[in-house]
Amino acid sequence: MKNEKNLNFSEIGILLSRDQRNIWTVYNRANKKLASAQLQPVEPNTKLSILEYIQIPTEIFRFYSLAVLESIVVYLKNERYLSFSDIAMLLGRDQRNIWTVYSRARAKLDKM
């Protein structure tokens, strides 16, 4: 949102119902990771190309009890019906980590 939509941190915070300081922290950490990452070319993958066009609505971040990653995983699993392996490929994570994130998020939502 910062780079593509040219929004400032306070505007992003309002849209996501998050504190602008948290948005700034996440943004800076992500930039540091990208700067130090050794990016390697990826083989073209039709499934990945399709997944790149999934748009995440900002409304899913309204549940402040869920972390951002948890909100994204729950949305992709429950609303877009993606498998854990597809979500893992899309987010660049291991599918076992995605399962764990989903399981913890479901437990939080069940308590609400």
PDB file of N, CA and C in Angstrom:
ATOM      1  N   MET A   1       0.822  -1.181   0.000  1.00  0.00           N
ATOM      2  CA  MET A   1       0.000   0.000   0.000  1.00  0.00           C
ATOM      3  C   MET A   1       0.875   1.256   0.000  1.00  0.00           C
ATOM      4  N   LYS A   2       1.971   1.153   0.707  1.00  0.00           N
ATOM      5  CA  LYS A   2       2.879   2.299   0.788  1.00  0.00           C
ATOM      6  C   LYS A   2       3.482   2.601  -0.578  1.00  0.00           C
ATOM      7  N   ASN A   3       3.990   1.569  -1.240  1.00  0.00           N
ATOM      8  CA  ASN A   3       4.670   1.791  -2.511  1.00  0.00           C
ATOM      9  C   ASN A   3       3.712   1.868  -3.689  1.00  0.00           C
ATOM     10  N   GLU A   4       2.692   1.034  -3.702  1.00  0.00           N
ATOM     11  CA  GLU A   4       1.811   0.967  -4.859  1.00  0.00           C
ATOM     12  C   GLU A   4       0.722   2.026  -4.849  1.00  0.00           C
ATOM     13  N   LYS A   5       0.169   2.328  -3.687  1.00  0.00           N
ATOM     14  CA  LYS A   5      -0.930   3.292  -3.591  1.00  0.00           C
ATOM     15  C   LYS A   5      -0.470   4.663  -3.112  1.00  0.00           C
ATOM     16  N   ASN A   6       0.813   4.778  -2.738  1.00  0.00           N
ATOM     17  CA  ASN A   6       1.375   6.046  -2.267  1.00  0.00           C
ATOM     18  C   ASN A   6       0.669   6.585  -1.017  1.00  0.00           C
ATOM     19  N   LEU A   7       0.257   5.688  -0.137  1.00  0.00           N
ATOM     20  CA  LEU A   7      -0.388   6.102   1.101  1.00  0.00           C
ATOM     21  C   LEU A   7       0.667   6.279   2.185  1.00  0.00           C
ATOM     22  N   ASN A   8       0.398   7.202   3.119  1.00  0.00           N
ATOM     23  CA  ASN A   8       1.328   7.327   4.242  1.00  0.00           C
ATOM     24  C   ASN A   8       0.929   6.339   5.340  1.00  0.00           C
ATOM     25  N   PHE A   9       1.767   6.204   6.349  1.00  0.00           N
ATOM     26  CA  PHE A   9       1.558   5.182   7.370  1.00  0.00           C
ATOM     27  C   PHE A   9       0.272   5.400   8.160  1.00  0.00           C
ATOM     28  N   SER A  10      -0.091   6.643   8.414  1.00  0.00           N
ATOM     29  CA  SER A  10      -1.323   6.882   9.173  1.00  0.00           C
ATOM     30  C   SER A  10      -2.552   6.495   8.355  1.00  0.00           C
ATOM     31  N   GLU A  11      -2.540   6.732   7.051  1.00  0.00           N
ATOM     32  CA  GLU A  11      -3.663   6.329   6.195  1.00  0.00           C
ATOM     33  C   GLU A  11      -3.786   4.804   6.133  1.00  0.00           C
ATOM     34  N   ILE A  12      -2.650   4.133   6.029  1.00  0.00           N
ATOM     35  CA  ILE A  12      -2.655   2.668   6.012  1.00  0.00           C
ATOM     36  C   ILE A  12      -3.168   2.142   7.351  1.00  0.00           C
ATOM     37  N   GLY A  13      -2.734   2.761   8.434  1.00  0.00           N
ATOM     38  CA  GLY A  13      -3.188   2.358   9.760  1.00  0.00           C
ATOM     39  C   GLY A  13      -4.692   2.482   9.920  1.00  0.00           C
ATOM     40  N   ILE A  14      -5.255   3.544   9.393  1.00  0.00           N
ATOM     41  CA  ILE A  14      -6.707   3.730   9.460  1.00  0.00           C
ATOM     42  C   ILE A  14      -7.419   2.651   8.651  1.00  0.00           C
ATOM     43  N   LEU A  15      -6.930   2.382   7.447  1.00  0.00           N
ATOM     44  CA  LEU A  15      -7.551   1.359   6.598  1.00  0.00           C
ATOM     45  C   LEU A  15      -7.500  -0.030   7.219  1.00  0.00           C
ATOM     46  N   LEU A  16      -6.396  -0.335   7.893  1.00  0.00           N
ATOM     47  CA  LEU A  16      -6.204  -1.671   8.451  1.00  0.00           C
ATOM     48  C   LEU A  16      -6.580  -1.769   9.928  1.00  0.00           C
ATOM     49  N   SER A  17      -7.039  -0.669  10.498  1.00  0.00           N
ATOM     50  CA  SER A  17      -7.357  -0.620  11.933  1.00  0.00           C
ATOM     51  C   SER A  17      -6.161  -1.039  12.777  1.00  0.00           C
ATOM     52  N   ARG A  18      -5.010  -0.519  12.426  1.00  0.00           N
ATOM     53  CA  ARG A  18      -3.769  -0.806  13.154  1.00  0.00           C
ATOM     54  C   ARG A  18      -3.085   0.516  13.485  1.00  0.00           C
ATOM     55  N   ASP A  19      -2.216   0.474  14.460  1.00  0.00           N
ATOM     56  CA  ASP A  19      -1.459   1.653  14.849  1.00  0.00           C
ATOM     57  C   ASP A  19      -0.425   1.969  13.773  1.00  0.00           C
ATOM     58  N   GLN A  20      -0.281   3.250  13.442  1.00  0.00           N
ATOM     59  CA  GLN A  20       0.655   3.638  12.380  1.00  0.00           C
ATOM     60  C   GLN A  20       2.098   3.294  12.729  1.00  0.00           C
ATOM     61  N   ARG A  21       2.428   3.252  14.017  1.00  0.00           N
ATOM     62  CA  ARG A  21       3.789   2.879  14.420  1.00  0.00           C
ATOM     63  C   ARG A  21       4.068   1.413  14.104  1.00  0.00           C
ATOM     64  N   ASN A  22       3.049   0.568  14.270  1.00  0.00           N
ATOM     65  CA  ASN A  22       3.210  -0.843  13.910  1.00  0.00           C
ATOM     66  C   ASN A  22       3.384  -1.000  12.402  1.00  0.00           C
ATOM     67  N   ILE A  23       2.640  -0.229  11.642  1.00  0.00           N
ATOM     68  CA  ILE A  23       2.751  -0.275  10.179  1.00  0.00           C
ATOM     69  C   ILE A  23       4.167   0.119   9.770  1.00  0.00           C
ATOM     70  N   TRP A  24       4.687   1.180  10.383  1.00  0.00           N
ATOM     71  CA  TRP A  24       6.040   1.641  10.068  1.00  0.00           C
ATOM     72  C   TRP A  24       7.065   0.556  10.392  1.00  0.00           C
ATOM     73  N   THR A  25       6.920  -0.087  11.551  1.00  0.00           N
ATOM     74  CA  THR A  25       7.861  -1.132  11.964  1.00  0.00           C
ATOM     75  C   THR A  25       7.851  -2.299  10.989  1.00  0.00           C
ATOM     76  N   VAL A  26       6.669  -2.765  10.630  1.00  0.00           N
ATOM     77  CA  VAL A  26       6.549  -3.888   9.690  1.00  0.00           C
ATOM     78  C   VAL A  26       7.132  -3.510   8.333  1.00  0.00           C
ATOM     79  N   TYR A  27       6.867  -2.307   7.888  1.00  0.00           N
ATOM     80  CA  TYR A  27       7.372  -1.835   6.597  1.00  0.00           C
ATOM     81  C   TYR A  27       8.902  -1.810   6.585  1.00  0.00           C
ATOM     82  N   ASN A  28       9.497  -1.277   7.638  1.00  0.00           N
ATOM     83  CA  ASN A  28      10.962  -1.197   7.698  1.00  0.00           C
ATOM     84  C   ASN A  28      11.606  -2.574   7.796  1.00  0.00           C
ATOM     85  N   ARG A  29      11.008  -3.466   8.574  1.00  0.00           N
ATOM     86  CA  ARG A  29      11.549  -4.829   8.669  1.00  0.00           C
ATOM     87  C   ARG A  29      11.478  -5.539   7.320  1.00  0.00           C
ATOM     88  N   ALA A  30      10.372  -5.357   6.616  1.00  0.00           N
ATOM     89  CA  ALA A  30      10.223  -5.990   5.300  1.00  0.00           C
ATOM     90  C   ALA A  30      11.252  -5.439   4.320  1.00  0.00           C
ATOM     91  N   ASN A  31      11.496  -4.135   4.365  1.00  0.00           N
ATOM     92  CA  ASN A  31      12.499  -3.538   3.474  1.00  0.00           C
ATOM     93  C   ASN A  31      13.895  -4.075   3.769  1.00  0.00           C
ATOM     94  N   LYS A  32      14.214  -4.256   5.053  1.00  0.00           N
ATOM     95  CA  LYS A  32      15.525  -4.812   5.407  1.00  0.00           C
ATOM     96  C   LYS A  32      15.659  -6.245   4.919  1.00  0.00           C
ATOM     97  N   LYS A  33      14.595  -7.027   5.052  1.00  0.00           N
ATOM     98  CA  LYS A  33      14.632  -8.408   4.572  1.00  0.00           C
ATOM     99  C   LYS A  33      14.823  -8.449   3.062  1.00  0.00           C
ATOM    100  N   LEU A  34      14.111  -7.587   2.354  1.00  0.00           N
ATOM    101  CA  LEU A  34      14.236  -7.563   0.896  1.00  0.00           C
ATOM    102  C   LEU A  34      15.628  -7.142   0.464  1.00  0.00           C
ATOM    103  N   ALA A  35      16.204  -6.193   1.175  1.00  0.00           N
ATOM    104  CA  ALA A  35      17.533  -5.712   0.812  1.00  0.00           C
ATOM    105  C   ALA A  35      18.595  -6.783   1.021  1.00  0.00           C
ATOM    106  N   SER A  36      18.418  -7.607   2.053  1.00  0.00           N
ATOM    107  CA  SER A  36      19.430  -8.616   2.343  1.00  0.00           C
ATOM    108  C   SER A  36      19.130  -9.969   1.697  1.00  0.00           C
ATOM    109  N   ALA A  37      17.970 -10.108   1.095  1.00  0.00           N
ATOM    110  CA  ALA A  37      17.589 -11.403   0.506  1.00  0.00           C
ATOM    111  C   ALA A  37      18.377 -11.668  -0.768  1.00  0.00           C
ATOM    112  N   GLN A  38      18.738 -12.923  -0.926  1.00  0.00           N
ATOM    113  CA  GLN A  38      19.386 -13.364  -2.159  1.00  0.00           C
ATOM    114  C   GLN A  38      18.287 -13.878  -3.082  1.00  0.00           C
ATOM    115  N   LEU A  39      17.788 -13.015  -3.930  1.00  0.00           N
ATOM    116  CA  LEU A  39      16.692 -13.403  -4.815  1.00  0.00           C
ATOM    117  C   LEU A  39      17.217 -14.256  -5.949  1.00  0.00           C
ATOM    118  N   GLN A  40      16.542 -15.384  -6.173  1.00  0.00           N
ATOM    119  CA  GLN A  40      16.921 -16.286  -7.240  1.00  0.00           C
ATOM    120  C   GLN A  40      15.755 -16.405  -8.203  1.00  0.00           C
ATOM    121  N   PRO A  41      16.059 -16.590  -9.497  1.00  0.00           N
ATOM    122  CA  PRO A  41      14.967 -16.696 -10.461  1.00  0.00           C
ATOM    123  C   PRO A  41      14.099 -17.919 -10.172  1.00  0.00           C
ATOM    124  N   VAL A  42      12.813 -17.743 -10.364  1.00  0.00           N
ATOM    125  CA  VAL A  42      11.857 -18.809 -10.119  1.00  0.00           C
ATOM    126  C   VAL A  42      11.349 -19.319 -11.455  1.00  0.00           C
ATOM    127  N   GLU A  43      11.213 -20.631 -11.558  1.00  0.00           N
ATOM    128  CA  GLU A  43      10.661 -21.217 -12.773  1.00  0.00           C
ATOM    129  C   GLU A  43       9.217 -20.763 -12.936  1.00  0.00           C
ATOM    130  N   PRO A  44       8.795 -20.476 -14.160  1.00  0.00           N
ATOM    131  CA  PRO A  44       7.399 -20.084 -14.361  1.00  0.00           C
ATOM    132  C   PRO A  44       6.463 -21.193 -13.876  1.00  0.00           C
ATOM    133  N   ASN A  45       5.458 -20.802 -13.163  1.00  0.00           N
ATOM    134  CA  ASN A  45       4.507 -21.752 -12.599  1.00  0.00           C
ATOM    135  C   ASN A  45       3.115 -21.175 -12.798  1.00  0.00           C
ATOM    136  N   THR A  46       2.287 -21.875 -13.539  1.00  0.00           N
ATOM    137  CA  THR A  46       0.953 -21.372 -13.844  1.00  0.00           C
ATOM    138  C   THR A  46       0.150 -21.144 -12.575  1.00  0.00           C
ATOM    139  N   LYS A  47       0.242 -22.077 -11.644  1.00  0.00           N
ATOM    140  CA  LYS A  47      -0.510 -21.950 -10.404  1.00  0.00           C
ATOM    141  C   LYS A  47      -0.088 -20.700  -9.634  1.00  0.00           C
ATOM    142  N   LEU A  48       1.214 -20.456  -9.548  1.00  0.00           N
ATOM    143  CA  LEU A  48       1.707 -19.272  -8.856  1.00  0.00           C
ATOM    144  C   LEU A  48       1.260 -18.010  -9.577  1.00  0.00           C
ATOM    145  N   SER A  49       1.271 -18.023 -10.905  1.00  0.00           N
ATOM    146  CA  SER A  49       0.846 -16.850 -11.666  1.00  0.00           C
ATOM    147  C   SER A  49      -0.606 -16.509 -11.370  1.00  0.00           C
ATOM    148  N   ILE A  50      -1.442 -17.533 -11.252  1.00  0.00           N
ATOM    149  CA  ILE A  50      -2.852 -17.300 -10.930  1.00  0.00           C
ATOM    150  C   ILE A  50      -2.981 -16.745  -9.521  1.00  0.00           C
ATOM    151  N   LEU A  51      -2.217 -17.288  -8.586  1.00  0.00           N
ATOM    152  CA  LEU A  51      -2.304 -16.853  -7.200  1.00  0.00           C
ATOM    153  C   LEU A  51      -1.832 -15.419  -7.013  1.00  0.00           C
ATOM    154  N   GLU A  52      -0.964 -14.939  -7.883  1.00  0.00           N
ATOM    155  CA  GLU A  52      -0.458 -13.574  -7.756  1.00  0.00           C
ATOM    156  C   GLU A  52      -1.558 -12.535  -7.939  1.00  0.00           C
ATOM    157  N   TYR A  53      -2.670 -12.914  -8.558  1.00  0.00           N
ATOM    158  CA  TYR A  53      -3.739 -11.965  -8.838  1.00  0.00           C
ATOM    159  C   TYR A  53      -4.813 -11.933  -7.757  1.00  0.00           C
ATOM    160  N   ILE A  54      -4.617 -12.675  -6.691  1.00  0.00           N
ATOM    161  CA  ILE A  54      -5.577 -12.645  -5.593  1.00  0.00           C
ATOM    162  C   ILE A  54      -5.395 -11.341  -4.832  1.00  0.00           C
ATOM    163  N   GLN A  55      -6.490 -10.626  -4.663  1.00  0.00           N
ATOM    164  CA  GLN A  55      -6.443  -9.384  -3.900  1.00  0.00           C
ATOM    165  C   GLN A  55      -7.020  -9.637  -2.514  1.00  0.00           C
ATOM    166  N   ILE A  56      -6.366  -9.098  -1.521  1.00  0.00           N
ATOM    167  CA  ILE A  56      -6.778  -9.277  -0.131  1.00  0.00           C
ATOM    168  C   ILE A  56      -7.542  -8.029   0.303  1.00  0.00           C
ATOM    169  N   PRO A  57      -8.816  -8.169   0.695  1.00  0.00           N
ATOM    170  CA  PRO A  57      -9.572  -6.992   1.146  1.00  0.00           C
ATOM    171  C   PRO A  57      -9.067  -6.500   2.504  1.00  0.00           C
ATOM    172  N   THR A  58      -9.047  -5.211   2.681  1.00  0.00           N
ATOM    173  CA  THR A  58      -8.540  -4.640   3.931  1.00  0.00           C
ATOM    174  C   THR A  58      -9.443  -4.954   5.120  1.00  0.00           C
ATOM    175  N   GLU A  59     -10.706  -5.289   4.864  1.00  0.00           N
ATOM    176  CA  GLU A  59     -11.644  -5.563   5.952  1.00  0.00           C
ATOM    177  C   GLU A  59     -11.222  -6.757   6.810  1.00  0.00           C
ATOM    178  N   ILE A  60     -10.431  -7.671   6.250  1.00  0.00           N
ATOM    179  CA  ILE A  60     -10.058  -8.859   7.022  1.00  0.00           C
ATOM    180  C   ILE A  60      -9.132  -8.520   8.183  1.00  0.00           C
ATOM    181  N   PHE A  61      -8.543  -7.353   8.175  1.00  0.00           N
ATOM    182  CA  PHE A  61      -7.613  -6.956   9.235  1.00  0.00           C
ATOM    183  C   PHE A  61      -8.324  -6.277  10.404  1.00  0.00           C
ATOM    184  N   ARG A  62      -9.636  -6.207  10.366  1.00  0.00           N
ATOM    185  CA  ARG A  62     -10.409  -5.542  11.420  1.00  0.00           C
ATOM    186  C   ARG A  62     -10.378  -6.310  12.740  1.00  0.00           C
ATOM    187  N   PHE A  63     -10.182  -7.636  12.672  1.00  0.00           N
ATOM    188  CA  PHE A  63     -10.093  -8.431  13.899  1.00  0.00           C
ATOM    189  C   PHE A  63      -8.726  -8.179  14.516  1.00  0.00           C
ATOM    190  N   TYR A  64      -8.688  -7.278  15.480  1.00  0.00           N
ATOM    191  CA  TYR A  64      -7.408  -6.887  16.062  1.00  0.00           C
ATOM    192  C   TYR A  64      -6.773  -8.017  16.862  1.00  0.00           C
ATOM    193  N   SER A  65      -7.578  -9.012  17.237  1.00  0.00           N
ATOM    194  CA  SER A  65      -7.027 -10.131  18.005  1.00  0.00           C
ATOM    195  C   SER A  65      -6.173 -11.054  17.136  1.00  0.00           C
ATOM    196  N   LEU A  66      -6.333 -10.977  15.814  1.00  0.00           N
ATOM    197  CA  LEU A  66      -5.535 -11.795  14.905  1.00  0.00           C
ATOM    198  C   LEU A  66      -4.358 -10.994  14.366  1.00  0.00           C
ATOM    199  N   ALA A  67      -3.223 -11.657  14.238  1.00  0.00           N
ATOM    200  CA  ALA A  67      -2.064 -11.031  13.597  1.00  0.00           C
ATOM    201  C   ALA A  67      -2.357 -10.904  12.104  1.00  0.00           C
ATOM    202  N   VAL A  68      -1.599 -10.076  11.422  1.00  0.00           N
ATOM    203  CA  VAL A  68      -1.815  -9.848   9.995  1.00  0.00           C
ATOM    204  C   VAL A  68      -1.689 -11.155   9.219  1.00  0.00           C
ATOM    205  N   LEU A  69      -0.649 -11.934   9.491  1.00  0.00           N
ATOM    206  CA  LEU A  69      -0.467 -13.206   8.790  1.00  0.00           C
ATOM    207  C   LEU A  69      -1.632 -14.150   9.062  1.00  0.00           C
ATOM    208  N   GLU A  70      -2.098 -14.185  10.298  1.00  0.00           N
ATOM    209  CA  GLU A  70      -3.240 -15.038  10.630  1.00  0.00           C
ATOM    210  C   GLU A  70      -4.477 -14.619   9.847  1.00  0.00           C
ATOM    211  N   SER A  71      -4.715 -13.330   9.748  1.00  0.00           N
ATOM    212  CA  SER A  71      -5.869 -12.833   8.996  1.00  0.00           C
ATOM    213  C   SER A  71      -5.792 -13.237   7.534  1.00  0.00           C
ATOM    214  N   ILE A  72      -4.611 -13.110   6.955  1.00  0.00           N
ATOM    215  CA  ILE A  72      -4.433 -13.462   5.542  1.00  0.00           C
ATOM    216  C   ILE A  72      -4.650 -14.954   5.329  1.00  0.00           C
ATOM    217  N   VAL A  73      -4.067 -15.772   6.177  1.00  0.00           N
ATOM    218  CA  VAL A  73      -4.183 -17.227   6.021  1.00  0.00           C
ATOM    219  C   VAL A  73      -5.634 -17.674   6.184  1.00  0.00           C
ATOM    220  N   VAL A  74      -6.329 -17.153   7.192  1.00  0.00           N
ATOM    221  CA  VAL A  74      -7.734 -17.521   7.396  1.00  0.00           C
ATOM    222  C   VAL A  74      -8.568 -17.096   6.193  1.00  0.00           C
ATOM    223  N   TYR A  75      -8.331 -15.908   5.670  1.00  0.00           N
ATOM    224  CA  TYR A  75      -9.071 -15.444   4.493  1.00  0.00           C
ATOM    225  C   TYR A  75      -8.825 -16.354   3.291  1.00  0.00           C
ATOM    226  N   LEU A  76      -7.564 -16.641   3.009  1.00  0.00           N
ATOM    227  CA  LEU A  76      -7.244 -17.468   1.840  1.00  0.00           C
ATOM    228  C   LEU A  76      -7.789 -18.887   1.983  1.00  0.00           C
ATOM    229  N   LYS A  77      -7.797 -19.405   3.191  1.00  0.00           N
ATOM    230  CA  LYS A  77      -8.281 -20.772   3.417  1.00  0.00           C
ATOM    231  C   LYS A  77      -9.812 -20.833   3.398  1.00  0.00           C
ATOM    232  N   ASN A  78     -10.461 -19.929   4.124  1.00  0.00           N
ATOM    233  CA  ASN A  78     -11.915 -20.003   4.289  1.00  0.00           C
ATOM    234  C   ASN A  78     -12.708 -19.331   3.175  1.00  0.00           C
ATOM    235  N   GLU A  79     -12.201 -18.246   2.637  1.00  0.00           N
ATOM    236  CA  GLU A  79     -12.955 -17.500   1.629  1.00  0.00           C
ATOM    237  C   GLU A  79     -12.536 -17.820   0.200  1.00  0.00           C
ATOM    238  N   ARG A  80     -11.256 -18.073   0.002  1.00  0.00           N
ATOM    239  CA  ARG A  80     -10.757 -18.381  -1.350  1.00  0.00           C
ATOM    240  C   ARG A  80     -10.533 -19.873  -1.563  1.00  0.00           C
ATOM    241  N   TYR A  81     -10.711 -20.661  -0.512  1.00  0.00           N
ATOM    242  CA  TYR A  81     -10.638 -22.131  -0.562  1.00  0.00           C
ATOM    243  C   TYR A  81      -9.312 -22.646  -1.113  1.00  0.00           C
ATOM    244  N   LEU A  82      -8.223 -21.996  -0.729  1.00  0.00           N
ATOM    245  CA  LEU A  82      -6.904 -22.454  -1.152  1.00  0.00           C
ATOM    246  C   LEU A  82      -6.391 -23.517  -0.190  1.00  0.00           C
ATOM    247  N   SER A  83      -5.573 -24.402  -0.697  1.00  0.00           N
ATOM    248  CA  SER A  83      -4.955 -25.421   0.154  1.00  0.00           C
ATOM    249  C   SER A  83      -3.795 -24.789   0.924  1.00  0.00           C
ATOM    250  N   PHE A  84      -3.351 -25.481   1.964  1.00  0.00           N
ATOM    251  CA  PHE A  84      -2.217 -24.980   2.738  1.00  0.00           C
ATOM    252  C   PHE A  84      -0.967 -24.875   1.869  1.00  0.00           C
ATOM    253  N   SER A  85      -0.788 -25.807   0.957  1.00  0.00           N
ATOM    254  CA  SER A  85       0.400 -25.756   0.094  1.00  0.00           C
ATOM    255  C   SER A  85       0.325 -24.573  -0.870  1.00  0.00           C
ATOM    256  N   ASP A  86      -0.873 -24.250  -1.376  1.00  0.00           N
ATOM    257  CA  ASP A  86      -1.019 -23.081  -2.252  1.00  0.00           C
ATOM    258  C   ASP A  86      -0.758 -21.786  -1.486  1.00  0.00           C
ATOM    259  N   ILE A  87      -1.287 -21.704  -0.277  1.00  0.00           N
ATOM    260  CA  ILE A  87      -1.061 -20.517   0.554  1.00  0.00           C
ATOM    261  C   ILE A  87       0.421 -20.383   0.876  1.00  0.00           C
ATOM    262  N   ALA A  88       1.057 -21.496   1.194  1.00  0.00           N
ATOM    263  CA  ALA A  88       2.492 -21.480   1.501  1.00  0.00           C
ATOM    264  C   ALA A  88       3.300 -21.004   0.305  1.00  0.00           C
ATOM    265  N   MET A  89       2.959 -21.476  -0.879  1.00  0.00           N
ATOM    266  CA  MET A  89       3.669 -21.067  -2.087  1.00  0.00           C
ATOM    267  C   MET A  89       3.466 -19.571  -2.336  1.00  0.00           C
ATOM    268  N   LEU A  90       2.250 -19.110  -2.147  1.00  0.00           N
ATOM    269  CA  LEU A  90       1.936 -17.700  -2.371  1.00  0.00           C
ATOM    270  C   LEU A  90       2.683 -16.788  -1.401  1.00  0.00           C
ATOM    271  N   LEU A  91       2.791 -17.216  -0.142  1.00  0.00           N
ATOM    272  CA  LEU A  91       3.414 -16.383   0.888  1.00  0.00           C
ATOM    273  C   LEU A  91       4.893 -16.671   1.100  1.00  0.00           C
ATOM    274  N   GLY A  92       5.417 -17.669   0.402  1.00  0.00           N
ATOM    275  CA  GLY A  92       6.829 -17.997   0.546  1.00  0.00           C
ATOM    276  C   GLY A  92       7.151 -18.607   1.893  1.00  0.00           C
ATOM    277  N   ARG A  93       6.238 -19.411   2.420  1.00  0.00           N
ATOM    278  CA  ARG A  93       6.418 -20.063   3.712  1.00  0.00           C
ATOM    279  C   ARG A  93       6.296 -21.571   3.533  1.00  0.00           C
ATOM    280  N   ASP A  94       6.659 -22.312   4.559  1.00  0.00           N
ATOM    281  CA  ASP A  94       6.481 -23.755   4.567  1.00  0.00           C
ATOM    282  C   ASP A  94       5.016 -24.058   4.890  1.00  0.00           C
ATOM    283  N   GLN A  95       4.456 -25.075   4.234  1.00  0.00           N
ATOM    284  CA  GLN A  95       3.039 -25.360   4.445  1.00  0.00           C
ATOM    285  C   GLN A  95       2.729 -25.797   5.878  1.00  0.00           C
ATOM    286  N   ARG A  96       3.704 -26.363   6.567  1.00  0.00           N
ATOM    287  CA  ARG A  96       3.488 -26.727   7.971  1.00  0.00           C
ATOM    288  C   ARG A  96       3.347 -25.476   8.836  1.00  0.00           C
ATOM    289  N   ASN A  97       4.098 -24.423   8.496  1.00  0.00           N
ATOM    290  CA  ASN A  97       3.957 -23.156   9.224  1.00  0.00           C
ATOM    291  C   ASN A  97       2.583 -22.545   8.968  1.00  0.00           C
ATOM    292  N   ILE A  98       2.118 -22.643   7.730  1.00  0.00           N
ATOM    293  CA  ILE A  98       0.799 -22.108   7.382  1.00  0.00           C
ATOM    294  C   ILE A  98      -0.282 -22.854   8.162  1.00  0.00           C
ATOM    295  N   TRP A  99      -0.153 -24.175   8.261  1.00  0.00           N
ATOM    296  CA  TRP A  99      -1.124 -24.958   9.028  1.00  0.00           C
ATOM    297  C   TRP A  99      -1.133 -24.501  10.483  1.00  0.00           C
ATOM    298  N   THR A 100       0.049 -24.274  11.055  1.00  0.00           N
ATOM    299  CA  THR A 100       0.149 -23.836  12.447  1.00  0.00           C
ATOM    300  C   THR A 100      -0.498 -22.467  12.636  1.00  0.00           C
ATOM    301  N   VAL A 101      -0.225 -21.544  11.731  1.00  0.00           N
ATOM    302  CA  VAL A 101      -0.817 -20.202  11.799  1.00  0.00           C
ATOM    303  C   VAL A 101      -2.337 -20.305  11.728  1.00  0.00           C
ATOM    304  N   TYR A 102      -2.831 -21.117  10.806  1.00  0.00           N
ATOM    305  CA  TYR A 102      -4.276 -21.289  10.636  1.00  0.00           C
ATOM    306  C   TYR A 102      -4.897 -21.894  11.893  1.00  0.00           C
ATOM    307  N   SER A 103      -4.250 -22.902  12.438  1.00  0.00           N
ATOM    308  CA  SER A 103      -4.756 -23.573  13.632  1.00  0.00           C
ATOM    309  C   SER A 103      -4.841 -22.609  14.813  1.00  0.00           C
ATOM    310  N   ARG A 104      -3.826 -21.801  15.008  1.00  0.00           N
ATOM    311  CA  ARG A 104      -3.826 -20.827  16.110  1.00  0.00           C
ATOM    312  C   ARG A 104      -4.886 -19.750  15.892  1.00  0.00           C
ATOM    313  N   ALA A 105      -5.041 -19.316  14.650  1.00  0.00           N
ATOM    314  CA  ALA A 105      -6.048 -18.298  14.345  1.00  0.00           C
ATOM    315  C   ALA A 105      -7.451 -18.842  14.592  1.00  0.00           C
ATOM    316  N   ARG A 106      -7.697 -20.078  14.197  1.00  0.00           N
ATOM    317  CA  ARG A 106      -9.009 -20.696  14.426  1.00  0.00           C
ATOM    318  C   ARG A 106      -9.302 -20.785  15.925  1.00  0.00           C
ATOM    319  N   ALA A 107      -8.293 -21.135  16.704  1.00  0.00           N
ATOM    320  CA  ALA A 107      -8.471 -21.218  18.153  1.00  0.00           C
ATOM    321  C   ALA A 107      -8.837 -19.850  18.727  1.00  0.00           C
ATOM    322  N   LYS A 108      -8.189 -18.798  18.248  1.00  0.00           N
ATOM    323  CA  LYS A 108      -8.512 -17.443  18.703  1.00  0.00           C
ATOM    324  C   LYS A 108      -9.934 -17.068  18.314  1.00  0.00           C
ATOM    325  N   LEU A 109     -10.322 -17.389  17.072  1.00  0.00           N
ATOM    326  CA  LEU A 109     -11.661 -17.044  16.602  1.00  0.00           C
ATOM    327  C   LEU A 109     -12.736 -17.837  17.340  1.00  0.00           C
ATOM    328  N   ASP A 110     -12.445 -19.064  17.695  1.00  0.00           N
ATOM    329  CA  ASP A 110     -13.415 -19.882  18.428  1.00  0.00           C
ATOM    330  C   ASP A 110     -13.669 -19.333  19.831  1.00  0.00           C
ATOM    331  N   LYS A 111     -12.677 -18.653  20.403  1.00  0.00           N
ATOM    332  CA  LYS A 111     -12.826 -18.068  21.740  1.00  0.00           C
ATOM    333  C   LYS A 111     -13.655 -16.787  21.714  1.00  0.00           C
ATOM    334  N   MET A 112     -13.762 -16.170  20.569  1.00  0.00           N
ATOM    335  CA  MET A 112     -14.482 -14.893  20.455  1.00  0.00           C
ATOM    336  C   MET A 112     -15.982 -15.087  20.562  1.00  0.00           C
TER     337      MET A 112
END
